[in-house]
Amino acid sequence: MGIKKDLGKKIKRMRVKRGLTQEALAEAVEISQRTLSGIEIGENFCTAETLDKIIAALDTTAEELFALDHIKQESDLRKEIASSLPQLDGEKLEIAYKVVKGLLKE
């Protein structure tokens, strides 16, 4: 994908998880909503100053924000999960079942 798109997706994911609108995050970071939108879709890259403000506004760390290795397409995630399930047995299979059931309750 590329660092701009990956980072943008992560920022959006964290923003949504925290219940923030683009407008609210943009205001907290002191940039326009259009600029934030460009960052989130990977068209723009932010300055170090803006990045610091995003980290603060999302109440996160640079390490957490830049942990991009788990960002994958939904279809790829489904395939990877499905191919991993046959390898689970016993207690691990029960744990996976409980996790999935718990996620479906949300």
C-alpha atoms as a PDB file:
ATOM      1  CA  MET A   1       0.000   0.000   0.000  1.00  0.00           C
ATOM      2  CA  GLY A   2       2.451   2.671   1.143  1.00  0.00           C
ATOM      3  CA  ILE A   3       3.142   4.553   4.337  1.00  0.00           C
ATOM      4  CA  LYS A   4       0.765   7.448   3.577  1.00  0.00           C
ATOM      5  CA  LYS A   5      -2.225   5.178   2.958  1.00  0.00           C
ATOM      6  CA  ASP A   6      -1.389   2.829   5.841  1.00  0.00           C
ATOM      7  CA  LEU A   7      -0.914   5.667   8.311  1.00  0.00           C
ATOM      8  CA  GLY A   8      -4.057   7.390   7.065  1.00  0.00           C
ATOM      9  CA  LYS A   9      -6.091   4.212   7.577  1.00  0.00           C
ATOM     10  CA  LYS A  10      -4.681   3.830  11.069  1.00  0.00           C
ATOM     11  CA  ILE A  11      -5.518   7.431  11.974  1.00  0.00           C
ATOM     12  CA  LYS A  12      -9.057   6.977  10.694  1.00  0.00           C
ATOM     13  CA  ARG A  13      -9.477   3.669  12.509  1.00  0.00           C
ATOM     14  CA  MET A  14      -8.286   5.210  15.783  1.00  0.00           C
ATOM     15  CA  ARG A  15     -10.448   8.311  15.295  1.00  0.00           C
ATOM     16  CA  VAL A  16     -13.583   6.244  14.697  1.00  0.00           C
ATOM     17  CA  LYS A  17     -12.770   3.930  17.612  1.00  0.00           C
ATOM     18  CA  ARG A  18     -12.606   6.969  19.882  1.00  0.00           C
ATOM     19  CA  GLY A  19     -15.923   8.264  18.594  1.00  0.00           C
ATOM     20  CA  LEU A  20     -14.482  11.378  16.962  1.00  0.00           C
ATOM     21  CA  THR A  21     -15.746  12.921  13.756  1.00  0.00           C
ATOM     22  CA  GLN A  22     -13.295  14.226  11.178  1.00  0.00           C
ATOM     23  CA  GLU A  23     -14.450  17.697  12.094  1.00  0.00           C
ATOM     24  CA  ALA A  24     -13.732  17.181  15.802  1.00  0.00           C
ATOM     25  CA  LEU A  25     -10.268  15.707  15.222  1.00  0.00           C
ATOM     26  CA  ALA A  26      -9.386  18.362  12.649  1.00  0.00           C
ATOM     27  CA  GLU A  27     -10.381  21.078  15.100  1.00  0.00           C
ATOM     28  CA  ALA A  28      -8.330  19.509  17.908  1.00  0.00           C
ATOM     29  CA  VAL A  29      -5.315  19.245  15.597  1.00  0.00           C
ATOM     30  CA  GLU A  30      -5.868  22.749  14.172  1.00  0.00           C
ATOM     31  CA  ILE A  31      -6.124  21.679  10.542  1.00  0.00           C
ATOM     32  CA  SER A  32      -9.022  21.761   8.113  1.00  0.00           C
ATOM     33  CA  GLN A  33     -11.375  18.826   7.777  1.00  0.00           C
ATOM     34  CA  ARG A  34     -10.347  18.635   4.116  1.00  0.00           C
ATOM     35  CA  THR A  35      -6.682  18.303   5.109  1.00  0.00           C
ATOM     36  CA  LEU A  36      -7.521  15.553   7.603  1.00  0.00           C
ATOM     37  CA  SER A  37      -9.589  13.768   4.972  1.00  0.00           C
ATOM     38  CA  GLY A  38      -6.593  13.876   2.633  1.00  0.00           C
ATOM     39  CA  ILE A  39      -4.379  12.429   5.360  1.00  0.00           C
ATOM     40  CA  GLU A  40      -6.854   9.639   6.121  1.00  0.00           C
ATOM     41  CA  ILE A  41      -7.159   8.546   2.489  1.00  0.00           C
ATOM     42  CA  GLY A  42      -3.415   8.739   1.935  1.00  0.00           C
ATOM     43  CA  GLU A  43      -3.328  11.690  -0.449  1.00  0.00           C
ATOM     44  CA  ASN A  44      -1.553  14.006   1.992  1.00  0.00           C
ATOM     45  CA  PHE A  45       1.146  13.439   4.553  1.00  0.00           C
ATOM     46  CA  CYS A  46       1.263  15.496   7.695  1.00  0.00           C
ATOM     47  CA  THR A  47       4.082  17.514   9.153  1.00  0.00           C
ATOM     48  CA  ALA A  48       5.825  16.357  12.302  1.00  0.00           C
ATOM     49  CA  GLU A  49       4.004  19.085  14.225  1.00  0.00           C
ATOM     50  CA  THR A  50       0.610  17.913  12.947  1.00  0.00           C
ATOM     51  CA  LEU A  51       1.557  14.316  13.672  1.00  0.00           C
ATOM     52  CA  ASP A  52       2.362  15.248  17.287  1.00  0.00           C
ATOM     53  CA  LYS A  53      -1.042  16.928  17.578  1.00  0.00           C
ATOM     54  CA  ILE A  54      -2.821  13.908  16.091  1.00  0.00           C
ATOM     55  CA  ILE A  55      -1.067  11.617  18.574  1.00  0.00           C
ATOM     56  CA  ALA A  56      -2.120  13.860  21.458  1.00  0.00           C
ATOM     57  CA  ALA A  57      -5.700  14.275  20.204  1.00  0.00           C
ATOM     58  CA  LEU A  58      -6.098  10.514  19.775  1.00  0.00           C
ATOM     59  CA  ASP A  59      -4.557   9.944  23.214  1.00  0.00           C
ATOM     60  CA  THR A  60      -2.085   7.448  21.808  1.00  0.00           C
ATOM     61  CA  THR A  61       1.649   7.003  21.302  1.00  0.00           C
ATOM     62  CA  ALA A  62       3.799   7.170  18.201  1.00  0.00           C
ATOM     63  CA  GLU A  63       4.586   3.485  18.666  1.00  0.00           C
ATOM     64  CA  GLU A  64       0.908   2.542  18.636  1.00  0.00           C
ATOM     65  CA  LEU A  65       0.120   4.830  15.718  1.00  0.00           C
ATOM     66  CA  PHE A  66       2.960   3.466  13.593  1.00  0.00           C
ATOM     67  CA  ALA A  67       2.240  -0.196  14.381  1.00  0.00           C
ATOM     68  CA  LEU A  68       0.941  -0.762  10.862  1.00  0.00           C
ATOM     69  CA  ASP A  69       1.802  -4.402  10.298  1.00  0.00           C
ATOM     70  CA  HIS A  70      -1.720  -5.593  11.111  1.00  0.00           C
ATOM     71  CA  ILE A  71      -3.524  -3.323   8.657  1.00  0.00           C
ATOM     72  CA  LYS A  72      -4.774  -5.560   5.878  1.00  0.00           C
ATOM     73  CA  GLN A  73      -7.713  -5.687   3.521  1.00  0.00           C
ATOM     74  CA  GLU A  74     -10.822  -7.257   5.044  1.00  0.00           C
ATOM     75  CA  SER A  75     -10.820 -10.061   2.482  1.00  0.00           C
ATOM     76  CA  ASP A  76      -7.185 -10.883   3.326  1.00  0.00           C
ATOM     77  CA  LEU A  77      -8.002 -10.929   7.043  1.00  0.00           C
ATOM     78  CA  ARG A  78     -10.909 -13.324   6.478  1.00  0.00           C
ATOM     79  CA  LYS A  79      -8.718 -15.689   4.412  1.00  0.00           C
ATOM     80  CA  GLU A  80      -5.922 -15.609   6.984  1.00  0.00           C
ATOM     81  CA  ILE A  81      -8.311 -16.283   9.869  1.00  0.00           C
ATOM     82  CA  ALA A  82     -10.051 -19.100   7.980  1.00  0.00           C
ATOM     83  CA  SER A  83      -6.759 -20.761   7.096  1.00  0.00           C
ATOM     84  CA  SER A  84      -5.579 -20.534  10.717  1.00  0.00           C
ATOM     85  CA  LEU A  85      -8.655 -22.128  12.302  1.00  0.00           C
ATOM     86  CA  PRO A  86      -7.868 -25.737  11.320  1.00  0.00           C
ATOM     87  CA  GLN A  87      -4.572 -25.422  13.206  1.00  0.00           C
ATOM     88  CA  LEU A  88      -6.394 -24.728  16.487  1.00  0.00           C
ATOM     89  CA  ASP A  89      -7.538 -27.486  18.774  1.00  0.00           C
ATOM     90  CA  GLY A  90      -8.667 -27.990  22.337  1.00  0.00           C
ATOM     91  CA  GLU A  91      -8.373 -24.978  24.583  1.00  0.00           C
ATOM     92  CA  LYS A  92      -7.125 -22.645  21.826  1.00  0.00           C
ATOM     93  CA  LEU A  93     -10.174 -23.430  19.695  1.00  0.00           C
ATOM     94  CA  GLU A  94     -12.456 -22.712  22.666  1.00  0.00           C
ATOM     95  CA  ILE A  95     -10.693 -19.379  23.262  1.00  0.00           C
ATOM     96  CA  ALA A  96     -11.064 -18.430  19.595  1.00  0.00           C
ATOM     97  CA  TYR A  97     -14.769 -19.292  19.782  1.00  0.00           C
ATOM     98  CA  LYS A  98     -15.258 -17.133  22.886  1.00  0.00           C
ATOM     99  CA  VAL A  99     -13.410 -14.208  21.309  1.00  0.00           C
ATOM    100  CA  VAL A 100     -15.496 -14.357  18.130  1.00  0.00           C
ATOM    101  CA  LYS A 101     -18.762 -14.677  20.099  1.00  0.00           C
ATOM    102  CA  GLY A 102     -17.724 -11.745  22.286  1.00  0.00           C
ATOM    103  CA  LEU A 103     -16.943  -9.595  19.256  1.00  0.00           C
ATOM    104  CA  LEU A 104     -20.323 -10.391  17.705  1.00  0.00           C
ATOM    105  CA  LYS A 105     -22.114  -9.105  20.814  1.00  0.00           C
ATOM    106  CA  GLU A 106     -20.716  -5.575  20.345  1.00  0.00           C
END
